[in-house]
Amino acid sequence: MTSQQPEGSVILVDKPLEWTSFDVVNKLRYALKIKKIGHAGTLDPLATGLLILCTGKMTKQIDTYQAQEKEYTGKMVVGKTTPSFDLETEVDSETDISHLKDEMVYNLTGQFTGIISQTPPAFSAIKVKGKRAYESARKGEEVKLKSREVEISLFEITGINFPEVSFKVVCSKGTYIRSLVRDFGEALGVGAYLSELRRTRIGEYTVEEAKTIEELTSKT
């Protein structure tokens, strides 16, 4: 979907796996010959789904879109952890999960619903002393990030097939699903990492309305 406005537009993109949000912006900037274009909320390379791009004068609305509620579906692997809390880095610990029962997982979501405090991953784009946190983390340097309050309005377990747990989350701006999964795994007592993530909604915009990179650039 592309919502045309005078001297600007809103483009809904279904971001493919392993593309950075900047990759998408760059591709469309050159393919569509757009000078002024930006995205309204980063999506990790290992995540897929809805990315909102604004062009021309609509770039002034980027903050408005960034502030809107987000919806995600995803999968976590329990009993294992990674330094990045996802598949970017190798597994660094394993814990036996033979004692886990489905109800233990279902009953824990309430602890992570509402306004909660979470610490962003060291492998994130947050700037620390003028440097992206992930740049230091990838070098093995210690990164200290401050915890922040976020709101989780829905945390639903949609399937369990140990060690894999599927979920759906509706949350506020600034929420890191990787951190939510890390904290959830710690509360279970076995650890967990994010193995799959898809952003399905931003405010009233859904991924079903979005177009792929190929669809957006096929006429160029």
N, C-alpha and C. Protein backbone atom coordinates (compact mmCIF):
# COMPACT_ATOMS: atom_id res chain seq x y z
N MET A 1 0.84 -1.19 0.00
CA MET A 1 0.00 0.00 0.00
C MET A 1 0.87 1.24 0.00
N THR A 2 0.45 2.24 -0.79
CA THR A 2 1.08 3.55 -0.80
C THR A 2 -0.02 4.59 -0.65
N SER A 3 0.03 5.36 0.42
CA SER A 3 -0.97 6.40 0.66
C SER A 3 -0.42 7.73 0.16
N GLN A 4 -0.96 8.22 -0.96
CA GLN A 4 -0.45 9.44 -1.57
C GLN A 4 -1.01 10.68 -0.87
N GLN A 5 -0.15 11.62 -0.60
CA GLN A 5 -0.53 12.91 -0.02
C GLN A 5 0.15 13.99 -0.87
N PRO A 6 -0.36 15.22 -0.81
CA PRO A 6 0.31 16.29 -1.56
C PRO A 6 1.79 16.37 -1.18
N GLU A 7 2.65 16.21 -2.17
CA GLU A 7 4.10 16.33 -1.98
C GLU A 7 4.68 15.32 -0.99
N GLY A 8 4.07 14.17 -0.91
CA GLY A 8 4.61 13.13 -0.03
C GLY A 8 3.68 11.94 0.03
N SER A 9 4.20 10.82 0.54
CA SER A 9 3.38 9.62 0.63
C SER A 9 3.82 8.75 1.80
N VAL A 10 2.94 7.81 2.16
CA VAL A 10 3.23 6.81 3.18
C VAL A 10 3.27 5.46 2.47
N ILE A 11 4.39 4.76 2.58
CA ILE A 11 4.56 3.48 1.90
C ILE A 11 4.66 2.37 2.94
N LEU A 12 3.82 1.35 2.80
CA LEU A 12 3.85 0.21 3.71
C LEU A 12 4.61 -0.93 3.05
N VAL A 13 5.68 -1.34 3.69
CA VAL A 13 6.57 -2.37 3.13
C VAL A 13 6.57 -3.60 4.03
N ASP A 14 6.54 -4.79 3.40
CA ASP A 14 6.72 -6.04 4.13
C ASP A 14 8.21 -6.36 4.04
N LYS A 15 8.95 -5.98 5.10
CA LYS A 15 10.41 -6.12 5.07
C LYS A 15 10.83 -7.58 5.04
N PRO A 16 11.73 -7.92 4.09
CA PRO A 16 12.21 -9.30 4.03
C PRO A 16 13.27 -9.60 5.09
N LEU A 17 13.48 -10.87 5.34
CA LEU A 17 14.47 -11.34 6.30
C LEU A 17 15.87 -10.90 5.87
N GLU A 18 16.66 -10.49 6.85
CA GLU A 18 18.08 -10.11 6.71
C GLU A 18 18.31 -8.73 6.09
N TRP A 19 17.26 -8.05 5.69
CA TRP A 19 17.41 -6.67 5.24
C TRP A 19 17.36 -5.76 6.47
N THR A 20 18.23 -4.76 6.52
CA THR A 20 18.09 -3.74 7.56
C THR A 20 17.02 -2.76 7.10
N SER A 21 16.50 -1.99 8.06
CA SER A 21 15.50 -0.98 7.70
C SER A 21 16.11 0.05 6.75
N PHE A 22 17.40 0.35 6.95
CA PHE A 22 18.08 1.30 6.07
C PHE A 22 18.26 0.73 4.66
N ASP A 23 18.46 -0.60 4.56
CA ASP A 23 18.53 -1.25 3.25
C ASP A 23 17.26 -0.98 2.44
N VAL A 24 16.12 -1.08 3.12
CA VAL A 24 14.83 -0.87 2.46
C VAL A 24 14.69 0.58 2.00
N VAL A 25 15.04 1.51 2.89
CA VAL A 25 14.99 2.93 2.55
C VAL A 25 15.88 3.23 1.35
N ASN A 26 17.10 2.71 1.38
CA ASN A 26 18.06 2.93 0.30
C ASN A 26 17.57 2.37 -1.03
N LYS A 27 17.04 1.15 -0.98
CA LYS A 27 16.55 0.50 -2.20
C LYS A 27 15.45 1.33 -2.85
N LEU A 28 14.49 1.78 -2.04
CA LEU A 28 13.37 2.52 -2.60
C LEU A 28 13.77 3.94 -2.99
N ARG A 29 14.72 4.51 -2.28
CA ARG A 29 15.20 5.86 -2.65
C ARG A 29 15.71 5.87 -4.09
N TYR A 30 16.52 4.87 -4.41
CA TYR A 30 17.12 4.83 -5.74
C TYR A 30 16.18 4.24 -6.79
N ALA A 31 15.43 3.21 -6.42
CA ALA A 31 14.54 2.57 -7.39
C ALA A 31 13.38 3.49 -7.79
N LEU A 32 12.86 4.24 -6.83
CA LEU A 32 11.71 5.11 -7.11
C LEU A 32 12.13 6.56 -7.33
N LYS A 33 13.45 6.79 -7.25
CA LYS A 33 13.99 8.15 -7.46
C LYS A 33 13.35 9.17 -6.52
N ILE A 34 13.38 8.84 -5.24
CA ILE A 34 12.83 9.70 -4.19
C ILE A 34 13.98 10.30 -3.40
N LYS A 35 14.02 11.61 -3.30
CA LYS A 35 15.12 12.26 -2.58
C LYS A 35 14.92 12.20 -1.07
N LYS A 36 13.72 12.51 -0.62
CA LYS A 36 13.46 12.59 0.82
C LYS A 36 12.59 11.41 1.26
N ILE A 37 13.21 10.48 1.99
CA ILE A 37 12.49 9.28 2.43
C ILE A 37 13.10 8.77 3.73
N GLY A 38 12.27 8.28 4.63
CA GLY A 38 12.75 7.74 5.91
C GLY A 38 11.76 6.73 6.45
N HIS A 39 12.21 5.91 7.39
CA HIS A 39 11.32 4.90 7.97
C HIS A 39 10.85 5.33 9.36
N ALA A 40 9.69 4.81 9.75
CA ALA A 40 9.09 5.18 11.02
C ALA A 40 9.17 4.02 12.01
N GLY A 41 10.40 3.66 12.40
CA GLY A 41 10.57 2.60 13.38
C GLY A 41 11.38 1.44 12.87
N THR A 42 12.58 1.27 13.41
CA THR A 42 13.51 0.23 12.97
C THR A 42 12.95 -1.17 13.22
N LEU A 43 13.21 -2.04 12.26
CA LEU A 43 12.90 -3.46 12.40
C LEU A 43 14.22 -4.20 12.23
N ASP A 44 14.57 -5.06 13.19
CA ASP A 44 15.85 -5.77 13.16
C ASP A 44 16.01 -6.57 11.86
N PRO A 45 17.25 -6.77 11.40
CA PRO A 45 17.49 -7.55 10.18
C PRO A 45 16.87 -8.95 10.24
N LEU A 46 16.88 -9.57 11.43
CA LEU A 46 16.35 -10.93 11.55
C LEU A 46 14.85 -10.98 11.77
N ALA A 47 14.19 -9.81 11.68
CA ALA A 47 12.73 -9.74 11.77
C ALA A 47 12.16 -9.42 10.40
N THR A 48 10.92 -9.81 10.17
CA THR A 48 10.21 -9.47 8.94
C THR A 48 8.97 -8.67 9.30
N GLY A 49 8.28 -8.19 8.25
CA GLY A 49 6.99 -7.57 8.50
C GLY A 49 6.92 -6.09 8.23
N LEU A 50 5.94 -5.46 8.84
CA LEU A 50 5.55 -4.10 8.49
C LEU A 50 6.60 -3.04 8.83
N LEU A 51 6.98 -2.30 7.79
CA LEU A 51 7.87 -1.15 7.94
C LEU A 51 7.18 0.01 7.23
N ILE A 52 6.98 1.12 7.96
CA ILE A 52 6.34 2.29 7.36
C ILE A 52 7.41 3.26 6.89
N LEU A 53 7.32 3.65 5.61
CA LEU A 53 8.22 4.64 5.04
C LEU A 53 7.43 5.89 4.69
N CYS A 54 8.03 7.04 4.93
CA CYS A 54 7.40 8.31 4.59
C CYS A 54 8.29 9.05 3.61
N THR A 55 7.67 9.70 2.63
CA THR A 55 8.43 10.45 1.64
C THR A 55 8.00 11.92 1.63
N GLY A 56 8.86 12.76 1.09
CA GLY A 56 8.54 14.19 0.94
C GLY A 56 8.13 14.82 2.26
N LYS A 57 7.07 15.62 2.20
CA LYS A 57 6.61 16.33 3.39
C LYS A 57 6.01 15.40 4.45
N MET A 58 5.66 14.17 4.05
CA MET A 58 5.12 13.22 5.01
C MET A 58 6.19 12.73 5.99
N THR A 59 7.47 13.02 5.71
CA THR A 59 8.53 12.63 6.65
C THR A 59 8.35 13.37 7.98
N LYS A 60 7.62 14.47 7.96
CA LYS A 60 7.35 15.21 9.20
C LYS A 60 6.44 14.41 10.13
N GLN A 61 5.77 13.39 9.60
CA GLN A 61 4.85 12.57 10.39
C GLN A 61 5.52 11.32 10.97
N ILE A 62 6.81 11.16 10.70
CA ILE A 62 7.50 9.95 11.15
C ILE A 62 7.37 9.73 12.66
N ASP A 63 7.56 10.77 13.45
CA ASP A 63 7.46 10.63 14.91
C ASP A 63 6.06 10.16 15.33
N THR A 64 5.06 10.62 14.61
CA THR A 64 3.67 10.22 14.92
C THR A 64 3.48 8.73 14.70
N TYR A 65 4.00 8.22 13.59
CA TYR A 65 3.88 6.78 13.32
C TYR A 65 4.72 5.96 14.29
N GLN A 66 5.91 6.47 14.63
CA GLN A 66 6.79 5.75 15.56
C GLN A 66 6.14 5.58 16.93
N ALA A 67 5.32 6.54 17.33
CA ALA A 67 4.73 6.52 18.67
C ALA A 67 3.55 5.56 18.78
N GLN A 68 3.08 5.02 17.66
CA GLN A 68 1.89 4.19 17.68
C GLN A 68 2.17 2.77 18.18
N GLU A 69 1.11 2.14 18.65
CA GLU A 69 1.17 0.78 19.18
C GLU A 69 1.64 -0.20 18.11
N LYS A 70 2.43 -1.19 18.53
CA LYS A 70 2.96 -2.21 17.61
C LYS A 70 2.43 -3.60 17.99
N GLU A 71 2.25 -4.43 16.97
CA GLU A 71 1.84 -5.81 17.19
C GLU A 71 2.84 -6.74 16.51
N TYR A 72 3.24 -7.79 17.21
CA TYR A 72 4.21 -8.75 16.69
C TYR A 72 3.73 -10.18 16.92
N THR A 73 4.15 -11.07 16.03
CA THR A 73 4.05 -12.50 16.29
C THR A 73 5.47 -13.05 16.23
N GLY A 74 5.72 -14.11 16.97
CA GLY A 74 7.09 -14.63 16.97
C GLY A 74 7.21 -15.98 17.64
N LYS A 75 8.45 -16.46 17.69
CA LYS A 75 8.75 -17.72 18.35
C LYS A 75 10.00 -17.55 19.20
N MET A 76 10.02 -18.21 20.33
CA MET A 76 11.21 -18.24 21.19
C MET A 76 11.62 -19.69 21.41
N VAL A 77 12.90 -19.90 21.66
CA VAL A 77 13.41 -21.22 22.03
C VAL A 77 13.79 -21.14 23.50
N VAL A 78 13.15 -21.97 24.32
CA VAL A 78 13.44 -21.96 25.75
C VAL A 78 14.50 -23.00 26.08
N GLY A 79 15.28 -22.73 27.12
CA GLY A 79 16.34 -23.65 27.54
C GLY A 79 17.69 -23.32 26.94
N LYS A 80 17.73 -22.29 26.09
CA LYS A 80 19.00 -21.86 25.50
C LYS A 80 19.05 -20.33 25.48
N THR A 81 20.25 -19.78 25.56
CA THR A 81 20.41 -18.33 25.48
C THR A 81 21.51 -17.98 24.47
N THR A 82 21.46 -16.74 23.99
CA THR A 82 22.52 -16.21 23.14
C THR A 82 22.84 -14.79 23.62
N PRO A 83 24.05 -14.29 23.40
CA PRO A 83 24.41 -12.94 23.85
C PRO A 83 23.53 -11.85 23.25
N SER A 84 23.05 -12.06 22.02
CA SER A 84 22.24 -11.04 21.36
C SER A 84 20.75 -11.23 21.61
N PHE A 85 20.38 -12.28 22.32
CA PHE A 85 18.99 -12.66 22.63
C PHE A 85 18.24 -13.14 21.39
N ASP A 86 18.95 -13.33 20.26
CA ASP A 86 18.33 -13.85 19.05
C ASP A 86 19.34 -14.70 18.29
N LEU A 87 19.12 -14.90 17.00
CA LEU A 87 19.99 -15.79 16.22
C LEU A 87 21.22 -15.11 15.63
N GLU A 88 21.43 -13.84 15.96
CA GLU A 88 22.62 -13.15 15.43
C GLU A 88 23.90 -13.78 15.98
N THR A 89 23.84 -14.26 17.23
CA THR A 89 25.02 -14.86 17.87
C THR A 89 24.74 -16.31 18.25
N GLU A 90 25.82 -17.04 18.52
CA GLU A 90 25.71 -18.47 18.82
C GLU A 90 25.19 -18.69 20.24
N VAL A 91 24.58 -19.85 20.45
CA VAL A 91 24.10 -20.26 21.77
C VAL A 91 25.26 -20.30 22.75
N ASP A 92 25.09 -19.66 23.92
CA ASP A 92 26.17 -19.63 24.91
C ASP A 92 25.81 -20.34 26.21
N SER A 93 24.56 -20.82 26.33
CA SER A 93 24.21 -21.62 27.52
C SER A 93 23.01 -22.50 27.20
N GLU A 94 22.97 -23.67 27.84
CA GLU A 94 21.86 -24.59 27.66
C GLU A 94 21.41 -25.10 29.03
N THR A 95 20.11 -25.22 29.21
CA THR A 95 19.54 -25.67 30.48
C THR A 95 18.49 -26.73 30.19
N ASP A 96 18.43 -27.75 31.02
CA ASP A 96 17.44 -28.82 30.87
C ASP A 96 16.03 -28.26 31.06
N ILE A 97 15.11 -28.63 30.17
CA ILE A 97 13.73 -28.11 30.27
C ILE A 97 12.72 -29.24 30.46
N SER A 98 13.19 -30.44 30.80
CA SER A 98 12.30 -31.60 30.91
C SER A 98 11.21 -31.41 31.97
N HIS A 99 11.44 -30.49 32.92
CA HIS A 99 10.46 -30.27 33.98
C HIS A 99 9.37 -29.27 33.59
N LEU A 100 9.55 -28.58 32.46
CA LEU A 100 8.60 -27.54 32.07
C LEU A 100 7.27 -28.13 31.65
N LYS A 101 6.19 -27.48 32.09
CA LYS A 101 4.84 -27.85 31.68
C LYS A 101 4.21 -26.67 30.95
N ASP A 102 3.27 -26.96 30.06
CA ASP A 102 2.61 -25.90 29.30
C ASP A 102 2.04 -24.81 30.19
N GLU A 103 1.40 -25.23 31.28
CA GLU A 103 0.75 -24.24 32.14
C GLU A 103 1.75 -23.29 32.80
N MET A 104 2.98 -23.73 33.00
CA MET A 104 4.01 -22.86 33.57
C MET A 104 4.28 -21.69 32.63
N VAL A 105 4.26 -21.97 31.32
CA VAL A 105 4.49 -20.93 30.32
C VAL A 105 3.28 -20.00 30.23
N TYR A 106 2.10 -20.60 30.13
CA TYR A 106 0.88 -19.80 30.02
C TYR A 106 0.69 -18.89 31.24
N ASN A 107 0.97 -19.41 32.42
CA ASN A 107 0.72 -18.66 33.66
C ASN A 107 1.70 -17.50 33.87
N LEU A 108 2.82 -17.50 33.14
CA LEU A 108 3.86 -16.51 33.37
C LEU A 108 3.63 -15.20 32.61
N THR A 109 2.78 -15.23 31.59
CA THR A 109 2.62 -14.04 30.75
C THR A 109 2.08 -12.84 31.52
N GLY A 110 1.25 -13.09 32.53
CA GLY A 110 0.68 -11.99 33.31
C GLY A 110 1.74 -11.13 33.98
N GLN A 111 2.86 -11.76 34.31
CA GLN A 111 3.97 -11.06 34.95
C GLN A 111 4.61 -10.03 34.01
N PHE A 112 4.38 -10.21 32.72
CA PHE A 112 4.99 -9.34 31.72
C PHE A 112 3.94 -8.54 30.94
N THR A 113 2.79 -8.35 31.56
CA THR A 113 1.73 -7.56 30.94
C THR A 113 1.50 -6.29 31.75
N GLY A 114 1.20 -5.19 31.05
CA GLY A 114 1.05 -3.90 31.70
C GLY A 114 2.33 -3.09 31.53
N ILE A 115 2.56 -2.15 32.43
CA ILE A 115 3.79 -1.35 32.38
C ILE A 115 4.90 -2.12 33.08
N ILE A 116 5.95 -2.43 32.33
CA ILE A 116 7.06 -3.20 32.88
C ILE A 116 8.38 -2.47 32.62
N SER A 117 9.41 -2.86 33.34
CA SER A 117 10.74 -2.30 33.14
C SER A 117 11.59 -3.33 32.40
N GLN A 118 12.26 -2.87 31.34
CA GLN A 118 13.14 -3.79 30.61
C GLN A 118 14.42 -3.08 30.21
N THR A 119 15.49 -3.85 30.11
CA THR A 119 16.78 -3.33 29.66
C THR A 119 16.99 -3.72 28.20
N PRO A 120 17.24 -2.75 27.31
CA PRO A 120 17.45 -3.07 25.89
C PRO A 120 18.65 -4.00 25.71
N PRO A 121 18.69 -4.74 24.62
CA PRO A 121 19.83 -5.63 24.36
C PRO A 121 21.10 -4.82 24.07
N ALA A 122 22.25 -5.37 24.46
CA ALA A 122 23.52 -4.71 24.13
C ALA A 122 23.69 -4.67 22.61
N PHE A 123 23.14 -5.69 21.94
CA PHE A 123 23.18 -5.74 20.48
C PHE A 123 21.99 -4.94 19.93
N SER A 124 22.02 -3.63 20.14
CA SER A 124 20.96 -2.75 19.66
C SER A 124 21.57 -1.47 19.11
N ALA A 125 20.75 -0.66 18.45
CA ALA A 125 21.24 0.56 17.80
C ALA A 125 21.24 1.77 18.74
N ILE A 126 20.95 1.54 20.01
CA ILE A 126 20.96 2.65 20.97
C ILE A 126 22.37 3.22 21.08
N LYS A 127 22.45 4.54 21.12
CA LYS A 127 23.77 5.18 21.20
C LYS A 127 24.23 5.31 22.64
N VAL A 128 25.48 4.91 22.87
CA VAL A 128 26.13 5.06 24.18
C VAL A 128 27.43 5.82 23.95
N LYS A 129 27.50 7.02 24.50
CA LYS A 129 28.66 7.89 24.29
C LYS A 129 28.95 8.09 22.80
N GLY A 130 27.88 8.34 22.05
CA GLY A 130 28.01 8.64 20.63
C GLY A 130 28.27 7.45 19.73
N LYS A 131 28.19 6.24 20.30
CA LYS A 131 28.50 5.03 19.53
C LYS A 131 27.35 4.04 19.65
N ARG A 132 27.00 3.38 18.54
CA ARG A 132 25.93 2.38 18.59
C ARG A 132 26.33 1.24 19.52
N ALA A 133 25.40 0.82 20.37
CA ALA A 133 25.71 -0.22 21.35
C ALA A 133 26.20 -1.50 20.70
N TYR A 134 25.59 -1.87 19.56
CA TYR A 134 25.98 -3.14 18.92
C TYR A 134 27.42 -3.13 18.42
N GLU A 135 27.95 -1.94 18.11
CA GLU A 135 29.33 -1.86 17.64
C GLU A 135 30.29 -2.32 18.74
N SER A 136 30.00 -1.90 19.97
CA SER A 136 30.83 -2.32 21.11
C SER A 136 30.58 -3.78 21.46
N ALA A 137 29.30 -4.18 21.45
CA ALA A 137 28.95 -5.56 21.81
C ALA A 137 29.60 -6.57 20.88
N ARG A 138 29.64 -6.25 19.58
CA ARG A 138 30.22 -7.18 18.61
C ARG A 138 31.72 -7.32 18.77
N LYS A 139 32.35 -6.35 19.44
CA LYS A 139 33.78 -6.43 19.71
C LYS A 139 34.06 -7.12 21.04
N GLY A 140 32.99 -7.54 21.71
CA GLY A 140 33.14 -8.20 22.99
C GLY A 140 33.30 -7.24 24.16
N GLU A 141 33.06 -5.95 23.91
CA GLU A 141 33.16 -4.95 24.97
C GLU A 141 31.88 -4.93 25.80
N GLU A 142 32.01 -4.62 27.08
CA GLU A 142 30.85 -4.56 27.96
C GLU A 142 30.03 -3.30 27.64
N VAL A 143 28.72 -3.49 27.53
CA VAL A 143 27.82 -2.37 27.25
C VAL A 143 26.79 -2.28 28.36
N LYS A 144 26.69 -1.11 28.97
CA LYS A 144 25.71 -0.92 30.04
C LYS A 144 24.61 0.02 29.54
N LEU A 145 23.40 -0.51 29.46
CA LEU A 145 22.26 0.28 29.02
C LEU A 145 21.26 0.43 30.17
N LYS A 146 20.63 1.59 30.23
CA LYS A 146 19.66 1.85 31.29
C LYS A 146 18.33 1.16 30.99
N SER A 147 17.68 0.69 32.06
CA SER A 147 16.36 0.08 31.89
C SER A 147 15.34 1.17 31.57
N ARG A 148 14.25 0.78 30.96
CA ARG A 148 13.21 1.74 30.59
C ARG A 148 11.84 1.11 30.82
N GLU A 149 10.85 1.96 31.00
CA GLU A 149 9.49 1.47 31.17
C GLU A 149 8.80 1.38 29.81
N VAL A 150 8.18 0.25 29.55
CA VAL A 150 7.41 0.05 28.33
C VAL A 150 6.07 -0.56 28.73
N GLU A 151 5.13 -0.54 27.81
CA GLU A 151 3.81 -1.10 28.12
C GLU A 151 3.50 -2.27 27.19
N ILE A 152 3.19 -3.41 27.80
CA ILE A 152 2.78 -4.60 27.06
C ILE A 152 1.27 -4.76 27.30
N SER A 153 0.47 -4.46 26.29
CA SER A 153 -0.98 -4.54 26.48
C SER A 153 -1.52 -5.94 26.20
N LEU A 154 -0.75 -6.75 25.45
CA LEU A 154 -1.13 -8.15 25.23
C LEU A 154 0.12 -9.00 25.09
N PHE A 155 0.17 -10.09 25.83
CA PHE A 155 1.23 -11.09 25.68
C PHE A 155 0.54 -12.45 25.71
N GLU A 156 0.34 -13.02 24.53
CA GLU A 156 -0.44 -14.24 24.40
C GLU A 156 0.44 -15.37 23.86
N ILE A 157 0.41 -16.52 24.53
CA ILE A 157 1.10 -17.71 24.03
C ILE A 157 0.16 -18.40 23.04
N THR A 158 0.60 -18.54 21.79
CA THR A 158 -0.27 -19.08 20.75
C THR A 158 0.05 -20.53 20.39
N GLY A 159 1.14 -21.05 20.93
CA GLY A 159 1.47 -22.45 20.67
C GLY A 159 2.71 -22.88 21.44
N ILE A 160 2.74 -24.13 21.88
CA ILE A 160 3.90 -24.66 22.59
C ILE A 160 4.27 -26.02 22.00
N ASN A 161 5.50 -26.11 21.57
CA ASN A 161 6.07 -27.37 21.09
C ASN A 161 7.54 -27.36 21.54
N PHE A 162 7.74 -27.63 22.84
CA PHE A 162 9.07 -27.47 23.44
C PHE A 162 10.17 -28.08 22.57
N PRO A 163 11.28 -27.32 22.39
CA PRO A 163 11.66 -26.10 23.11
C PRO A 163 11.09 -24.80 22.50
N GLU A 164 10.23 -24.92 21.49
CA GLU A 164 9.72 -23.73 20.80
C GLU A 164 8.39 -23.28 21.38
N VAL A 165 8.29 -21.97 21.60
CA VAL A 165 7.05 -21.36 22.11
C VAL A 165 6.67 -20.21 21.18
N SER A 166 5.44 -20.25 20.65
CA SER A 166 4.96 -19.20 19.76
C SER A 166 4.14 -18.19 20.56
N PHE A 167 4.20 -16.93 20.14
CA PHE A 167 3.52 -15.88 20.91
C PHE A 167 3.05 -14.73 20.04
N LYS A 168 2.21 -13.90 20.64
CA LYS A 168 1.74 -12.66 20.02
C LYS A 168 1.86 -11.57 21.08
N VAL A 169 2.38 -10.40 20.68
CA VAL A 169 2.59 -9.30 21.61
C VAL A 169 2.06 -8.00 21.00
N VAL A 170 1.36 -7.23 21.81
CA VAL A 170 0.97 -5.86 21.45
C VAL A 170 1.65 -4.95 22.47
N CYS A 171 2.40 -3.96 22.00
CA CYS A 171 3.23 -3.19 22.91
C CYS A 171 3.40 -1.73 22.48
N SER A 172 4.01 -0.96 23.37
CA SER A 172 4.25 0.46 23.12
C SER A 172 5.56 0.67 22.37
N LYS A 173 5.75 1.89 21.91
CA LYS A 173 7.01 2.29 21.29
C LYS A 173 8.17 2.01 22.26
N GLY A 174 9.30 1.60 21.71
CA GLY A 174 10.50 1.40 22.53
C GLY A 174 10.64 0.03 23.14
N THR A 175 9.64 -0.84 22.91
CA THR A 175 9.71 -2.20 23.46
C THR A 175 10.65 -3.07 22.62
N TYR A 176 11.53 -3.79 23.29
CA TYR A 176 12.40 -4.74 22.61
C TYR A 176 11.87 -6.15 22.86
N ILE A 177 11.38 -6.79 21.82
CA ILE A 177 10.83 -8.14 21.98
C ILE A 177 11.94 -9.11 22.38
N ARG A 178 13.16 -8.87 21.91
CA ARG A 178 14.29 -9.72 22.31
C ARG A 178 14.49 -9.67 23.83
N SER A 179 14.37 -8.48 24.41
CA SER A 179 14.52 -8.34 25.86
C SER A 179 13.35 -8.99 26.60
N LEU A 180 12.16 -8.85 26.04
CA LEU A 180 10.99 -9.49 26.64
C LEU A 180 11.19 -11.01 26.69
N VAL A 181 11.68 -11.58 25.60
CA VAL A 181 11.93 -13.02 25.54
C VAL A 181 13.04 -13.42 26.52
N ARG A 182 14.11 -12.63 26.56
CA ARG A 182 15.20 -12.92 27.51
C ARG A 182 14.68 -12.94 28.95
N ASP A 183 13.90 -11.91 29.31
CA ASP A 183 13.36 -11.81 30.67
C ASP A 183 12.36 -12.94 30.97
N PHE A 184 11.58 -13.29 29.96
CA PHE A 184 10.60 -14.38 30.12
C PHE A 184 11.33 -15.69 30.39
N GLY A 185 12.40 -15.93 29.64
CA GLY A 185 13.18 -17.15 29.83
C GLY A 185 13.82 -17.20 31.20
N GLU A 186 14.31 -16.05 31.66
CA GLU A 186 14.91 -16.00 33.00
C GLU A 186 13.86 -16.29 34.08
N ALA A 187 12.66 -15.74 33.89
CA ALA A 187 11.58 -15.97 34.86
C ALA A 187 11.15 -17.44 34.87
N LEU A 188 11.28 -18.11 33.72
CA LEU A 188 10.98 -19.54 33.65
C LEU A 188 12.08 -20.36 34.32
N GLY A 189 13.26 -19.73 34.46
CA GLY A 189 14.39 -20.39 35.12
C GLY A 189 15.26 -21.21 34.18
N VAL A 190 15.02 -21.07 32.86
CA VAL A 190 15.78 -21.89 31.91
C VAL A 190 16.43 -21.06 30.79
N GLY A 191 16.09 -19.78 30.72
CA GLY A 191 16.62 -18.93 29.65
C GLY A 191 15.82 -19.11 28.36
N ALA A 192 15.98 -18.16 27.43
CA ALA A 192 15.30 -18.25 26.14
C ALA A 192 15.91 -17.24 25.18
N TYR A 193 15.78 -17.53 23.89
CA TYR A 193 16.18 -16.55 22.89
C TYR A 193 15.11 -16.46 21.80
N LEU A 194 15.07 -15.33 21.11
CA LEU A 194 14.09 -15.08 20.06
C LEU A 194 14.56 -15.77 18.77
N SER A 195 13.74 -16.63 18.22
CA SER A 195 14.12 -17.36 17.00
C SER A 195 13.40 -16.87 15.76
N GLU A 196 12.31 -16.15 15.95
CA GLU A 196 11.54 -15.65 14.80
C GLU A 196 10.69 -14.47 15.24
N LEU A 197 10.61 -13.42 14.40
CA LEU A 197 9.80 -12.25 14.75
C LEU A 197 9.23 -11.62 13.49
N ARG A 198 7.95 -11.27 13.57
CA ARG A 198 7.28 -10.60 12.46
C ARG A 198 6.40 -9.48 13.01
N ARG A 199 6.58 -8.27 12.49
CA ARG A 199 5.72 -7.15 12.92
C ARG A 199 4.48 -7.15 12.03
N THR A 200 3.33 -7.27 12.66
CA THR A 200 2.08 -7.43 11.92
C THR A 200 1.22 -6.18 11.89
N ARG A 201 1.50 -5.23 12.79
CA ARG A 201 0.68 -4.01 12.81
C ARG A 201 1.42 -2.86 13.46
N ILE A 202 1.19 -1.64 12.94
CA ILE A 202 1.63 -0.39 13.57
C ILE A 202 0.41 0.52 13.57
N GLY A 203 -0.13 0.81 14.75
CA GLY A 203 -1.35 1.61 14.81
C GLY A 203 -2.46 0.93 14.04
N GLU A 204 -3.04 1.62 13.05
CA GLU A 204 -4.13 1.05 12.27
C GLU A 204 -3.65 0.36 11.00
N TYR A 205 -2.35 0.42 10.72
CA TYR A 205 -1.79 -0.18 9.51
C TYR A 205 -1.37 -1.63 9.76
N THR A 206 -1.76 -2.53 8.85
CA THR A 206 -1.42 -3.94 9.03
C THR A 206 -0.50 -4.42 7.91
N VAL A 207 0.21 -5.51 8.18
CA VAL A 207 1.15 -6.05 7.19
C VAL A 207 0.42 -6.59 5.96
N GLU A 208 -0.85 -6.92 6.12
CA GLU A 208 -1.62 -7.41 4.97
C GLU A 208 -1.77 -6.32 3.90
N GLU A 209 -1.69 -5.06 4.32
CA GLU A 209 -1.80 -3.93 3.39
C GLU A 209 -0.46 -3.60 2.72
N ALA A 210 0.61 -4.18 3.25
CA ALA A 210 1.96 -3.82 2.78
C ALA A 210 2.32 -4.54 1.49
N LYS A 211 3.27 -3.97 0.77
CA LYS A 211 3.78 -4.57 -0.46
C LYS A 211 5.22 -5.03 -0.25
N THR A 212 5.63 -6.01 -1.01
CA THR A 212 7.02 -6.47 -0.95
C THR A 212 7.92 -5.49 -1.71
N ILE A 213 9.22 -5.61 -1.49
CA ILE A 213 10.18 -4.79 -2.23
C ILE A 213 10.01 -4.99 -3.73
N GLU A 214 9.81 -6.25 -4.13
CA GLU A 214 9.66 -6.57 -5.55
C GLU A 214 8.45 -5.90 -6.15
N GLU A 215 7.34 -5.92 -5.41
CA GLU A 215 6.11 -5.28 -5.91
C GLU A 215 6.27 -3.79 -6.06
N LEU A 216 6.99 -3.16 -5.14
CA LEU A 216 7.16 -1.71 -5.15
C LEU A 216 8.13 -1.26 -6.23
N THR A 217 9.05 -2.14 -6.62
CA THR A 217 10.09 -1.73 -7.58
C THR A 217 9.93 -2.36 -8.96
N SER A 218 8.90 -3.19 -9.13
CA SER A 218 8.75 -3.96 -10.38
C SER A 218 8.49 -3.09 -11.59
N LYS A 219 7.94 -1.89 -11.38
CA LYS A 219 7.61 -1.02 -12.51
C LYS A 219 8.77 -0.10 -12.89
N THR A 220 9.89 -0.23 -12.13
CA THR A 220 11.03 0.67 -12.40
C THR A 220 12.01 0.00 -13.36
